[in-house]
């Protein structure tokens, strides 16, 4: 299934994490998929670059990379991307100086403030950004909804239902919060994680490569493959996760991969 895709010609790789390189157990620990470590090692040995882009936004990218290393998946801090990085770049570029109401863990709010994004209080929000949350205050959601109704953009790290876990889908709480605000305001949220132009640009910047020179490998046709298609990258769908039973013939063109493999270990056949 990888014949003719031209992975030998790409200069950088983007991998999804959950459902692609690993499955996350009920204990929250990542269990590397067969061949995942060998695939990453072989790409690095070839002199090419790689990043992992997960839509997880509950901790910083550095903390996430450290956790994956502890679980047996060798990932450098600079090889890890989340929607928080692309959100920071997007907000600083599009809405410089605007106070942002953040639905996120304290560590993420601190990360964004340190990056130069002022945090909004109550009704002063000029931007609303939703990352992962464990709990939500309805009064804060109402403040956000009123800000969005006044014209503040509604940004979300992910608007997908969830991601693949070892016991099935793990629902996205960030998507739940975003959907609630979107419902009462009638405003369509803007995704800054996967799939989005913001994510494409963040990946290209981190890899220092044009998106056309990159391959995107992931298990979610609506996120990972859509991300790759958006940037003109080569795309490979891995059947080990959320899109395991997807009928490719019924997918819209923007979600159809260039190749399909059963698991990430199949990449070893074509990686020199």
Protein backbone atom coordinates (compact mmCIF):
# COMPACT_ATOMS: atom_id res chain seq x y z
CA UNK A 1 0.00 0.00 0.00
CA UNK A 2 3.00 2.31 0.29
CA UNK A 3 4.18 1.85 -3.30
CA UNK A 4 4.29 5.10 -5.22
CA UNK A 5 3.73 7.34 -2.19
CA UNK A 6 7.33 8.55 -2.35
CA UNK A 7 8.19 8.52 1.35
CA UNK A 8 11.83 8.15 0.36
CA UNK A 9 11.62 11.64 -1.11
CA UNK A 10 10.17 13.47 1.88
CA UNK A 11 12.47 15.44 4.15
CA UNK A 12 10.38 15.51 7.32
CA UNK A 13 7.75 13.45 9.10
CA UNK A 14 4.80 14.32 11.32
CA UNK A 15 3.34 11.59 13.52
CA UNK A 16 0.18 11.52 15.56
CA UNK A 17 0.63 9.89 18.98
CA UNK A 18 -2.49 8.20 20.35
CA UNK A 19 -3.70 5.45 18.05
CA UNK A 20 -0.63 5.78 15.83
CA UNK A 21 2.61 5.49 17.79
CA UNK A 22 0.98 4.42 21.03
CA UNK A 23 -2.26 3.46 22.74
CA UNK A 24 -3.07 5.11 26.04
CA UNK A 25 -4.35 2.85 28.79
CA UNK A 26 -6.92 3.66 31.44
CA UNK A 27 -4.01 4.61 33.70
CA UNK A 28 -3.08 7.38 31.27
CA UNK A 29 0.22 5.74 30.33
CA UNK A 30 1.20 5.42 26.67
CA UNK A 31 1.96 1.93 25.40
CA UNK A 32 4.15 2.13 22.26
CA UNK A 33 2.85 0.31 19.20
CA UNK A 34 4.91 -2.46 17.63
CA UNK A 35 7.69 -0.94 15.53
CA UNK A 36 7.12 2.64 16.73
CA UNK A 37 10.55 3.04 18.34
CA UNK A 38 12.31 1.50 15.33
CA UNK A 39 10.49 3.80 12.92
CA UNK A 40 11.53 6.94 14.82
CA UNK A 41 15.12 5.72 15.15
CA UNK A 42 15.36 4.91 11.44
CA UNK A 43 14.10 8.34 10.39
CA UNK A 44 16.61 10.08 12.63
CA UNK A 45 19.41 7.81 11.39
CA UNK A 46 18.61 8.90 7.82
CA UNK A 47 19.27 12.52 8.80
CA UNK A 48 15.66 13.56 8.35
CA UNK A 49 13.59 15.46 10.86
CA UNK A 50 10.41 14.49 12.66
CA UNK A 51 7.84 15.90 15.04
CA UNK A 52 4.98 14.39 16.97
CA UNK A 53 1.82 16.50 16.92
CA UNK A 54 -0.87 15.51 19.37
CA UNK A 55 -4.10 17.40 20.01
CA UNK A 56 -3.60 16.78 23.73
CA UNK A 57 -3.40 20.09 25.56
CA UNK A 58 -3.53 19.19 29.26
CA UNK A 59 0.22 19.63 29.83
CA UNK A 60 3.06 21.43 28.11
CA UNK A 61 4.79 19.85 25.13
CA UNK A 62 7.94 19.35 27.21
CA UNK A 63 6.03 17.51 29.93
CA UNK A 64 4.28 15.38 27.33
CA UNK A 65 7.60 14.47 25.69
CA UNK A 66 9.06 13.52 29.06
CA UNK A 67 6.07 11.29 29.79
CA UNK A 68 6.40 9.51 26.45
CA UNK A 69 10.10 8.92 27.10
CA UNK A 70 9.25 7.41 30.48
CA UNK A 71 6.73 5.13 28.73
CA UNK A 72 9.35 3.92 26.26
CA UNK A 73 8.84 6.19 23.26
CA UNK A 74 12.04 8.22 22.65
CA UNK A 75 10.95 11.78 21.88
CA UNK A 76 12.98 14.95 22.29
CA UNK A 77 11.37 18.07 23.74
CA UNK A 78 11.85 19.91 20.44
CA UNK A 79 10.14 17.03 18.60
CA UNK A 80 6.82 17.52 20.44
CA UNK A 81 4.03 19.84 19.33
CA UNK A 82 0.55 20.46 20.73
CA UNK A 83 -2.24 22.95 19.88
CA UNK A 84 -0.88 25.22 22.61
CA UNK A 85 2.16 26.07 20.47
CA UNK A 86 0.11 26.75 17.36
CA UNK A 87 -2.44 28.73 19.41
CA UNK A 88 0.28 30.96 20.85
CA UNK A 89 1.68 31.70 17.41
CA UNK A 90 -1.78 32.27 15.95
CA UNK A 91 -2.98 34.62 18.70
CA UNK A 92 0.25 36.64 18.77
CA UNK A 93 0.13 37.04 15.01
CA UNK A 94 -3.59 37.71 14.52
CA UNK A 95 -4.63 39.33 17.80
CA UNK A 96 -1.54 40.90 19.41
CA UNK A 97 -2.16 42.31 22.86
CA UNK A 98 -5.74 41.11 23.13
CA UNK A 99 -6.61 39.63 26.54
CA UNK A 100 -7.51 35.97 26.13
CA UNK A 101 -9.99 34.00 28.22
CA UNK A 102 -8.41 30.55 28.53
CA UNK A 103 -10.17 27.31 29.36
CA UNK A 104 -7.07 25.35 30.25
CA UNK A 105 -5.04 23.92 33.10
CA UNK A 106 -3.06 26.44 35.13
CA UNK A 107 0.24 25.23 33.66
CA UNK A 108 -1.06 25.97 30.14
CA UNK A 109 -2.35 29.39 31.12
CA UNK A 110 1.05 30.16 32.65
CA UNK A 111 2.77 28.96 29.47
CA UNK A 112 0.64 31.24 27.30
CA UNK A 113 1.05 34.25 29.57
CA UNK A 114 4.82 33.70 29.60
CA UNK A 115 4.69 33.70 25.79
CA UNK A 116 3.20 37.21 25.83
CA UNK A 117 -0.55 36.55 25.73
CA UNK A 118 -2.39 38.56 28.41
CA UNK A 119 -4.98 36.59 30.34
CA UNK A 120 -8.49 38.05 30.36
CA UNK A 121 -10.68 38.34 33.39
CA UNK A 122 -14.47 38.16 33.31
CA UNK A 123 -15.96 40.38 30.56
CA UNK A 124 -12.74 41.83 29.12
CA UNK A 125 -11.94 38.93 26.79
CA UNK A 126 -10.89 39.79 23.25
CA UNK A 127 -10.15 36.13 22.43
CA UNK A 128 -11.52 32.86 23.81
CA UNK A 129 -9.28 29.80 23.67
CA UNK A 130 -10.35 26.30 24.76
CA UNK A 131 -7.80 23.59 25.56
CA UNK A 132 -8.30 20.48 27.71
CA UNK A 133 -10.03 21.00 31.06
CA UNK A 134 -10.95 18.57 33.83
CA UNK A 135 -13.83 20.72 35.07
CA UNK A 136 -15.55 23.87 33.87
CA UNK A 137 -17.33 26.77 35.56
CA UNK A 138 -20.63 27.65 33.89
CA UNK A 139 -20.25 31.33 34.80
CA UNK A 140 -16.91 31.38 32.96
CA UNK A 141 -18.56 29.74 29.95
CA UNK A 142 -21.23 32.41 29.99
CA UNK A 143 -18.59 35.16 30.10
CA UNK A 144 -16.93 33.48 27.14
CA UNK A 145 -20.19 33.22 25.24
CA UNK A 146 -20.92 36.91 25.76
CA UNK A 147 -17.41 37.82 24.61
CA UNK A 148 -17.82 35.68 21.49
CA UNK A 149 -21.23 37.27 20.86
CA UNK A 150 -19.49 40.66 20.94
CA UNK A 151 -17.00 39.52 18.30
CA UNK A 152 -14.19 37.72 20.13
CA UNK A 153 -12.93 34.75 18.09
CA UNK A 154 -13.64 31.30 19.55
CA UNK A 155 -10.48 29.22 19.20
CA UNK A 156 -10.15 25.57 20.12
CA UNK A 157 -7.25 23.16 20.21
CA UNK A 158 -9.45 20.36 18.88
CA UNK A 159 -13.06 19.98 17.83
CA UNK A 160 -12.90 16.24 17.29
CA UNK A 161 -15.07 13.88 19.36
CA UNK A 162 -12.04 12.27 20.96
CA UNK A 163 -9.06 10.08 20.34
CA UNK A 164 -8.19 6.39 20.41
CA UNK A 165 -7.46 4.71 23.73
CA UNK A 166 -6.79 1.08 24.46
CA UNK A 167 -10.40 0.68 25.64
CA UNK A 168 -12.02 2.68 22.85
CA UNK A 169 -12.64 6.36 22.22
CA UNK A 170 -11.64 8.87 24.90
CA UNK A 171 -14.00 11.83 24.56
CA UNK A 172 -12.59 15.34 24.28
CA UNK A 173 -13.63 17.57 27.16
CA UNK A 174 -12.26 20.59 25.33
CA UNK A 175 -14.61 19.82 22.44
CA UNK A 176 -17.50 19.60 24.90
CA UNK A 177 -16.76 23.10 26.25
CA UNK A 178 -16.23 24.52 22.78
CA UNK A 179 -19.49 23.00 21.54
CA UNK A 180 -21.41 24.55 24.43
CA UNK A 181 -20.12 28.04 23.68
CA UNK A 182 -20.64 27.55 19.93
CA UNK A 183 -24.21 26.36 20.45
CA UNK A 184 -25.44 29.38 22.39
CA UNK A 185 -23.58 31.95 20.25
CA UNK A 186 -24.13 30.40 16.84
CA UNK A 187 -20.45 31.00 16.10
CA UNK A 188 -18.34 28.37 14.39
CA UNK A 189 -15.11 27.74 16.35
CA UNK A 190 -11.74 28.08 14.68
CA UNK A 191 -9.45 25.09 15.17
CA UNK A 192 -5.81 25.89 15.88
CA UNK A 193 -4.70 22.29 16.44
CA UNK A 194 -5.30 19.46 13.97
CA UNK A 195 -6.47 20.07 11.28
CA UNK A 196 -5.79 23.77 10.68
CA UNK A 197 -3.61 26.17 8.73
CA UNK A 198 -2.21 27.27 12.08
CA UNK A 199 -0.98 23.72 12.73
CA UNK A 200 0.44 23.39 9.20
CA UNK A 201 2.44 26.59 9.69
CA UNK A 202 3.64 25.55 13.16
CA UNK A 203 4.88 22.21 11.82
CA UNK A 204 6.68 23.81 8.89
CA UNK A 205 8.35 26.29 11.22
CA UNK A 206 9.48 23.58 13.65
CA UNK A 207 10.80 21.29 10.89
CA UNK A 208 12.16 24.23 8.86
CA UNK A 209 10.61 22.66 5.78
CA UNK A 210 7.82 23.53 3.36
CA UNK A 211 4.73 21.44 4.03
CA UNK A 212 5.01 19.90 0.56
CA UNK A 213 8.26 18.21 1.66
CA UNK A 214 6.60 16.53 4.66
CA UNK A 215 4.68 13.29 5.25
CA UNK A 216 1.88 13.13 7.83
CA UNK A 217 1.16 9.76 9.44
CA UNK A 218 -1.85 9.29 11.70
CA UNK A 219 -4.88 7.20 12.61
CA UNK A 220 -7.59 9.84 12.23
CA UNK A 221 -8.75 10.62 8.69
CA UNK A 222 -10.62 13.72 9.84
CA UNK A 223 -7.67 15.17 11.75
CA UNK A 224 -4.31 13.76 10.66
CA UNK A 225 -5.04 13.10 7.00
CA UNK A 226 -7.00 16.35 6.71
CA UNK A 227 -4.01 18.17 8.21
CA UNK A 228 -1.66 16.68 5.64
CA UNK A 229 -3.98 17.34 2.72
CA UNK A 230 -4.39 20.93 3.88
CA UNK A 231 -0.63 21.49 3.56
CA UNK A 232 -0.10 19.49 0.39
CA UNK A 233 1.86 16.84 2.30
CA UNK A 234 1.96 13.11 1.63
CA UNK A 235 -0.42 11.28 3.92
CA UNK A 236 -0.53 7.78 5.42
CA UNK A 237 -3.52 6.50 7.39
CA UNK A 238 -2.71 3.97 10.11
CA UNK A 239 -5.55 1.53 10.82
CA UNK A 240 -4.55 1.02 14.46
CA UNK A 241 -6.69 3.79 15.87
CA UNK A 242 -9.84 5.86 15.53
CA UNK A 243 -10.33 5.28 11.77
CA UNK A 244 -9.77 1.52 11.92
CA UNK A 245 -13.15 0.75 10.36
CA UNK A 246 -13.51 3.82 8.16
CA UNK A 247 -14.76 3.19 4.62
CA UNK A 248 -12.30 5.15 2.50
CA UNK A 249 -14.71 5.29 -0.43
CA UNK A 250 -17.17 7.24 1.69
CA UNK A 251 -14.64 9.78 2.97
CA UNK A 252 -14.62 13.26 1.43
CA UNK A 253 -11.62 13.93 -0.79
CA UNK A 254 -9.94 16.14 1.80
CA UNK A 255 -9.85 13.16 4.21
CA UNK A 256 -8.56 10.49 1.82
CA UNK A 257 -4.97 9.34 2.42
CA UNK A 258 -2.32 8.62 -0.18
CA UNK A 259 -1.68 5.25 1.48
CA UNK A 260 -3.15 3.00 4.18
CA UNK A 261 -1.23 0.67 6.50
CA UNK A 262 -2.27 -1.66 9.30
CA UNK A 263 0.23 -0.35 11.83
CA UNK A 264 3.17 1.99 12.07
CA UNK A 265 5.60 -0.95 11.83
CA UNK A 266 4.68 -1.25 8.15
CA UNK A 267 6.68 1.93 7.51
CA UNK A 268 9.87 0.00 8.13
CA UNK A 269 9.42 -1.62 4.71
CA UNK A 270 10.05 1.68 2.93
CA UNK A 271 12.27 3.62 5.34
CA UNK A 272 15.91 3.27 4.32
